[in-house]
Amino acid sequence: MEIRKLDRERLGPDNNHSQRLVPWDALNAPFEGAWNVIRPGTSSVKHAHHEYEIFIAISGKAILESQGERTEFVPGDVVHFPPHTDHQVINDGDEDFQMYSVWWDKDMTERFAERDR
């Protein structure tokens, strides 16, 4: 068994409130992932990228903003962002919002398939 430990001291605006936990050498996966903690009164940086991405809400409550639309995001919710779709997580509450993000693209999938042969 190999565990990748979360370092909560590293989470903050300097790294977009996240810690990349996947990949690592022993884990062959067709995706990457990060734990995210958005502190009260803060938000992630609005951005878009070429990968597909999902967010899985774990605890707290936040607002998702994407393509000019805003919606509540609470534990148990999962959201999907297609490539090149802007997105941002906003915590206007009074407790930490925690979520896990997973992203992938064709190159990651091909590298996974090659390593898995």
C-alpha atoms as a PDB file:
ATOM      1  CA  MET A   1       0.000   0.000   0.000  1.00  0.00           C
ATOM      2  CA  GLU A   2       1.243   3.484  -0.842  1.00  0.00           C
ATOM      3  CA  ILE A   3      -0.526   6.614   0.397  1.00  0.00           C
ATOM      4  CA  ARG A   4      -0.102  10.164  -0.862  1.00  0.00           C
ATOM      5  CA  LYS A   5      -0.625  12.439   2.168  1.00  0.00           C
ATOM      6  CA  LEU A   6      -2.411  15.760   2.057  1.00  0.00           C
ATOM      7  CA  ASP A   7      -0.364  18.696   3.409  1.00  0.00           C
ATOM      8  CA  ARG A   8      -3.014  21.191   4.552  1.00  0.00           C
ATOM      9  CA  GLU A   9      -0.353  23.827   5.275  1.00  0.00           C
ATOM     10  CA  ARG A  10       0.324  24.097   1.518  1.00  0.00           C
ATOM     11  CA  LEU A  11      -3.284  24.901   0.600  1.00  0.00           C
ATOM     12  CA  GLY A  12      -3.872  28.546  -0.211  1.00  0.00           C
ATOM     13  CA  PRO A  13      -4.148  31.160  -2.951  1.00  0.00           C
ATOM     14  CA  ASP A  14      -0.516  30.711  -4.045  1.00  0.00           C
ATOM     15  CA  ASN A  15      -1.354  27.279  -5.478  1.00  0.00           C
ATOM     16  CA  ASN A  16      -5.023  27.912  -6.326  1.00  0.00           C
ATOM     17  CA  HIS A  17      -6.081  26.335  -2.997  1.00  0.00           C
ATOM     18  CA  SER A  18      -5.047  22.840  -4.092  1.00  0.00           C
ATOM     19  CA  GLN A  19      -2.541  20.033  -3.701  1.00  0.00           C
ATOM     20  CA  ARG A  20      -1.960  17.705  -6.608  1.00  0.00           C
ATOM     21  CA  LEU A  21      -2.227  14.143  -5.289  1.00  0.00           C
ATOM     22  CA  VAL A  22      -2.322  12.199  -8.576  1.00  0.00           C
ATOM     23  CA  PRO A  23      -0.151  11.152 -10.384  1.00  0.00           C
ATOM     24  CA  TRP A  24       2.872   9.629  -8.722  1.00  0.00           C
ATOM     25  CA  ASP A  25       5.364   7.070 -10.000  1.00  0.00           C
ATOM     26  CA  ALA A  26       3.671   3.985  -8.549  1.00  0.00           C
ATOM     27  CA  LEU A  27       0.210   4.959  -9.803  1.00  0.00           C
ATOM     28  CA  ASN A  28      -0.538   4.412 -13.468  1.00  0.00           C
ATOM     29  CA  ALA A  29      -3.722   6.397 -14.131  1.00  0.00           C
ATOM     30  CA  PRO A  30      -5.242   8.041 -17.221  1.00  0.00           C
ATOM     31  CA  PHE A  31      -6.034  11.177 -15.211  1.00  0.00           C
ATOM     32  CA  GLU A  32      -4.609  13.642 -12.694  1.00  0.00           C
ATOM     33  CA  GLY A  33      -6.252  14.901  -9.521  1.00  0.00           C
ATOM     34  CA  ALA A  34      -6.035  17.383  -6.668  1.00  0.00           C
ATOM     35  CA  TRP A  35      -7.563  18.048  -3.257  1.00  0.00           C
ATOM     36  CA  ASN A  36      -8.890  21.598  -3.004  1.00  0.00           C
ATOM     37  CA  VAL A  37      -9.807  23.670   0.042  1.00  0.00           C
ATOM     38  CA  ILE A  38     -11.379  27.065  -0.611  1.00  0.00           C
ATOM     39  CA  ARG A  39     -11.290  29.061   2.615  1.00  0.00           C
ATOM     40  CA  PRO A  40     -14.200  31.329   3.626  1.00  0.00           C
ATOM     41  CA  GLY A  41     -14.226  34.606   1.706  1.00  0.00           C
ATOM     42  CA  THR A  42     -11.855  33.345  -1.005  1.00  0.00           C
ATOM     43  CA  SER A  43     -12.149  31.790  -4.447  1.00  0.00           C
ATOM     44  CA  SER A  44     -10.166  29.792  -6.943  1.00  0.00           C
ATOM     45  CA  VAL A  45      -8.771  31.600  -9.978  1.00  0.00           C
ATOM     46  CA  LYS A  46     -11.222  31.693 -12.873  1.00  0.00           C
ATOM     47  CA  HIS A  47      -9.606  29.692 -15.644  1.00  0.00           C
ATOM     48  CA  ALA A  48     -10.156  27.356 -18.598  1.00  0.00           C
ATOM     49  CA  HIS A  49      -7.924  24.673 -20.103  1.00  0.00           C
ATOM     50  CA  HIS A  50      -7.845  21.988 -22.762  1.00  0.00           C
ATOM     51  CA  GLU A  51      -8.555  19.066 -20.396  1.00  0.00           C
ATOM     52  CA  TYR A  52     -11.895  17.620 -19.386  1.00  0.00           C
ATOM     53  CA  GLU A  53     -12.502  18.070 -15.647  1.00  0.00           C
ATOM     54  CA  ILE A  54     -14.872  17.038 -12.877  1.00  0.00           C
ATOM     55  CA  PHE A  55     -15.229  18.473  -9.385  1.00  0.00           C
ATOM     56  CA  ILE A  56     -16.608  16.364  -6.523  1.00  0.00           C
ATOM     57  CA  ALA A  57     -17.919  18.394  -3.564  1.00  0.00           C
ATOM     58  CA  ILE A  58     -16.855  16.885  -0.222  1.00  0.00           C
ATOM     59  CA  SER A  59     -17.756  19.350   2.565  1.00  0.00           C
ATOM     60  CA  GLY A  60     -18.954  22.906   3.090  1.00  0.00           C
ATOM     61  CA  LYS A  61     -20.848  24.939   0.521  1.00  0.00           C
ATOM     62  CA  ALA A  62     -19.670  27.007  -2.441  1.00  0.00           C
ATOM     63  CA  ILE A  63     -20.809  28.742  -5.582  1.00  0.00           C
ATOM     64  CA  LEU A  64     -19.665  27.501  -8.991  1.00  0.00           C
ATOM     65  CA  GLU A  65     -19.353  30.109 -11.686  1.00  0.00           C
ATOM     66  CA  SER A  66     -18.958  29.020 -15.306  1.00  0.00           C
ATOM     67  CA  GLN A  67     -19.756  30.702 -18.609  1.00  0.00           C
ATOM     68  CA  GLY A  68     -21.605  33.490 -16.773  1.00  0.00           C
ATOM     69  CA  GLU A  69     -23.820  31.046 -14.833  1.00  0.00           C
ATOM     70  CA  ARG A  70     -23.710  30.638 -11.038  1.00  0.00           C
ATOM     71  CA  THR A  71     -25.018  27.681  -9.032  1.00  0.00           C
ATOM     72  CA  GLU A  72     -24.710  26.290  -5.514  1.00  0.00           C
ATOM     73  CA  PHE A  73     -22.250  23.402  -5.075  1.00  0.00           C
ATOM     74  CA  VAL A  74     -22.698  21.174  -1.999  1.00  0.00           C
ATOM     75  CA  PRO A  75     -21.409  17.795  -0.728  1.00  0.00           C
ATOM     76  CA  GLY A  76     -22.316  14.930  -3.031  1.00  0.00           C
ATOM     77  CA  ASP A  77     -22.549  17.140  -6.121  1.00  0.00           C
ATOM     78  CA  VAL A  78     -20.355  16.374  -9.127  1.00  0.00           C
ATOM     79  CA  VAL A  79     -19.868  18.827 -11.980  1.00  0.00           C
ATOM     80  CA  HIS A  80     -18.259  18.289 -15.391  1.00  0.00           C
ATOM     81  CA  PHE A  81     -16.466  20.985 -17.384  1.00  0.00           C
ATOM     82  CA  PRO A  82     -15.744  20.281 -21.050  1.00  0.00           C
ATOM     83  CA  PRO A  83     -12.453  21.580 -22.472  1.00  0.00           C
ATOM     84  CA  HIS A  84     -12.081  25.368 -22.791  1.00  0.00           C
ATOM     85  CA  THR A  85     -14.969  26.068 -20.377  1.00  0.00           C
ATOM     86  CA  ASP A  86     -14.162  28.748 -17.795  1.00  0.00           C
ATOM     87  CA  HIS A  87     -14.843  27.863 -14.175  1.00  0.00           C
ATOM     88  CA  GLN A  88     -14.320  29.212 -10.682  1.00  0.00           C
ATOM     89  CA  VAL A  89     -15.226  28.118  -7.146  1.00  0.00           C
ATOM     90  CA  ILE A  90     -16.335  30.875  -4.769  1.00  0.00           C
ATOM     91  CA  ASN A  91     -16.694  30.384  -1.020  1.00  0.00           C
ATOM     92  CA  ASP A  92     -18.816  33.194   0.398  1.00  0.00           C
ATOM     93  CA  GLY A  93     -19.722  31.121   3.470  1.00  0.00           C
ATOM     94  CA  ASP A  94     -18.107  30.886   6.892  1.00  0.00           C
ATOM     95  CA  GLU A  95     -16.504  27.415   6.709  1.00  0.00           C
ATOM     96  CA  ASP A  96     -13.959  25.732   4.453  1.00  0.00           C
ATOM     97  CA  PHE A  97     -15.237  24.237   1.216  1.00  0.00           C
ATOM     98  CA  GLN A  98     -13.454  21.005   0.266  1.00  0.00           C
ATOM     99  CA  MET A  99     -13.592  19.207  -3.061  1.00  0.00           C
ATOM    100  CA  TYR A 100     -11.603  16.856  -5.240  1.00  0.00           C
ATOM    101  CA  SER A 101     -10.873  17.632  -8.888  1.00  0.00           C
ATOM    102  CA  VAL A 102      -9.974  15.145 -11.608  1.00  0.00           C
ATOM    103  CA  TRP A 103      -8.865  16.074 -15.130  1.00  0.00           C
ATOM    104  CA  TRP A 104      -7.783  14.205 -18.242  1.00  0.00           C
ATOM    105  CA  ASP A 105      -7.089  14.586 -21.940  1.00  0.00           C
ATOM    106  CA  LYS A 106      -6.225  12.379 -24.900  1.00  0.00           C
ATOM    107  CA  ASP A 107      -2.457  12.513 -24.230  1.00  0.00           C
ATOM    108  CA  MET A 108      -2.898  11.316 -20.626  1.00  0.00           C
ATOM    109  CA  THR A 109      -5.083   8.469 -21.850  1.00  0.00           C
ATOM    110  CA  GLU A 110      -2.563   7.451 -24.499  1.00  0.00           C
ATOM    111  CA  ARG A 111       0.343   7.542 -22.019  1.00  0.00           C
ATOM    112  CA  PHE A 112      -1.683   5.392 -19.620  1.00  0.00           C
ATOM    113  CA  ALA A 113      -2.467   2.856 -22.354  1.00  0.00           C
ATOM    114  CA  GLU A 114       1.197   2.695 -23.388  1.00  0.00           C
ATOM    115  CA  ARG A 115       2.434   2.173 -19.802  1.00  0.00           C
ATOM    116  CA  ASP A 116      -0.245  -0.461 -19.227  1.00  0.00           C
ATOM    117  CA  ARG A 117       0.809  -2.685 -22.175  1.00  0.00           C
END
